[in-house]
């Protein structure tokens, strides 16, 4: 199993950064799947930036197994943030 974890700032520059980071998976997945993952991650990070609160970092996790690729996204809440 191959795992990739990435923490991104909620800014537009994080979108290409996330796509480029997926290149680390080139040995684990075939190119057509990697292209689909780039598109998926672009959409997920874009939606997180567009619809998130804009304060918390974006947590991105990609897991590659023989028959399954899983992409998870969340926004890490800052525990000490004051409202």
Protein backbone atom coordinates (compact mmCIF):
# COMPACT_ATOMS: atom_id res chain seq x y z
CA UNK A 1 0.00 0.00 0.00
CA UNK A 2 1.19 3.51 -0.83
CA UNK A 3 0.07 6.54 1.16
CA UNK A 4 0.41 10.22 0.45
CA UNK A 5 -0.47 12.91 2.98
CA UNK A 6 -0.37 16.61 2.29
CA UNK A 7 -1.33 19.74 4.20
CA UNK A 8 -2.25 22.71 2.04
CA UNK A 9 -3.11 26.33 2.69
CA UNK A 10 -6.66 27.27 1.60
CA UNK A 11 -5.40 29.39 -1.33
CA UNK A 12 -5.60 28.88 -5.13
CA UNK A 13 -1.85 28.16 -5.39
CA UNK A 14 -2.49 24.95 -3.47
CA UNK A 15 -4.35 23.43 -6.43
CA UNK A 16 -1.32 22.96 -8.71
CA UNK A 17 0.79 22.05 -5.69
CA UNK A 18 -1.59 19.18 -4.89
CA UNK A 19 -1.57 17.99 -8.53
CA UNK A 20 2.23 18.06 -8.69
CA UNK A 21 2.56 16.18 -5.41
CA UNK A 22 0.62 13.29 -6.96
CA UNK A 23 3.67 12.64 -9.15
CA UNK A 24 5.07 10.77 -6.14
CA UNK A 25 2.53 8.05 -6.97
CA UNK A 26 3.84 7.52 -10.52
CA UNK A 27 5.44 4.19 -9.58
CA UNK A 28 2.29 2.95 -7.85
CA UNK A 29 -0.38 3.70 -10.48
CA UNK A 30 -0.60 3.74 -14.26
CA UNK A 31 -0.58 7.07 -16.10
CA UNK A 32 -4.31 7.10 -17.06
CA UNK A 33 -5.26 6.61 -13.41
CA UNK A 34 -2.76 9.24 -12.32
CA UNK A 35 -4.35 11.72 -14.75
CA UNK A 36 -7.78 10.95 -13.29
CA UNK A 37 -6.39 11.43 -9.78
CA UNK A 38 -4.99 14.82 -10.78
CA UNK A 39 -8.40 15.89 -12.01
CA UNK A 40 -10.14 14.56 -8.89
CA UNK A 41 -7.68 16.22 -6.52
CA UNK A 42 -7.95 19.51 -8.42
CA UNK A 43 -11.72 19.44 -7.99
CA UNK A 44 -11.58 18.43 -4.32
CA UNK A 45 -9.04 21.10 -3.38
CA UNK A 46 -10.86 23.74 -5.44
CA UNK A 47 -14.15 22.95 -3.71
CA UNK A 48 -12.48 23.03 -0.33
CA UNK A 49 -11.05 26.48 -1.04
CA UNK A 50 -14.27 27.79 -2.57
CA UNK A 51 -16.69 26.43 0.02
CA UNK A 52 -14.50 26.23 3.13
CA UNK A 53 -14.15 28.92 5.75
CA UNK A 54 -10.76 29.95 4.40
CA UNK A 55 -8.87 29.70 7.68
CA UNK A 56 -8.00 26.07 8.29
CA UNK A 57 -5.39 24.10 6.32
CA UNK A 58 -6.66 21.47 3.90
CA UNK A 59 -5.65 17.91 4.75
CA UNK A 60 -5.36 15.63 1.72
CA UNK A 61 -4.74 11.88 1.94
CA UNK A 62 -4.38 9.43 -0.95
CA UNK A 63 -4.09 5.68 -0.37
CA UNK A 64 -3.21 3.27 -3.17
CA UNK A 65 -3.88 -0.46 -2.79
CA UNK A 66 -3.85 -3.14 -5.49
CA UNK A 67 -7.54 -2.70 -6.41
CA UNK A 68 -8.49 0.53 -4.64
CA UNK A 69 -7.42 4.17 -4.70
CA UNK A 70 -8.89 6.30 -1.94
CA UNK A 71 -8.79 10.11 -1.75
CA UNK A 72 -9.78 11.85 1.48
CA UNK A 73 -9.97 15.53 2.19
CA UNK A 74 -10.70 17.43 5.35
CA UNK A 75 -9.99 20.77 6.92
CA UNK A 76 -7.93 20.66 10.06
CA UNK A 77 -9.58 22.83 12.67
CA UNK A 78 -7.20 24.99 14.59
CA UNK A 79 -7.83 24.18 18.25
CA UNK A 80 -6.69 27.54 19.54
CA UNK A 81 -8.60 29.71 17.06
CA UNK A 82 -10.76 32.31 18.75
CA UNK A 83 -14.12 33.32 17.30
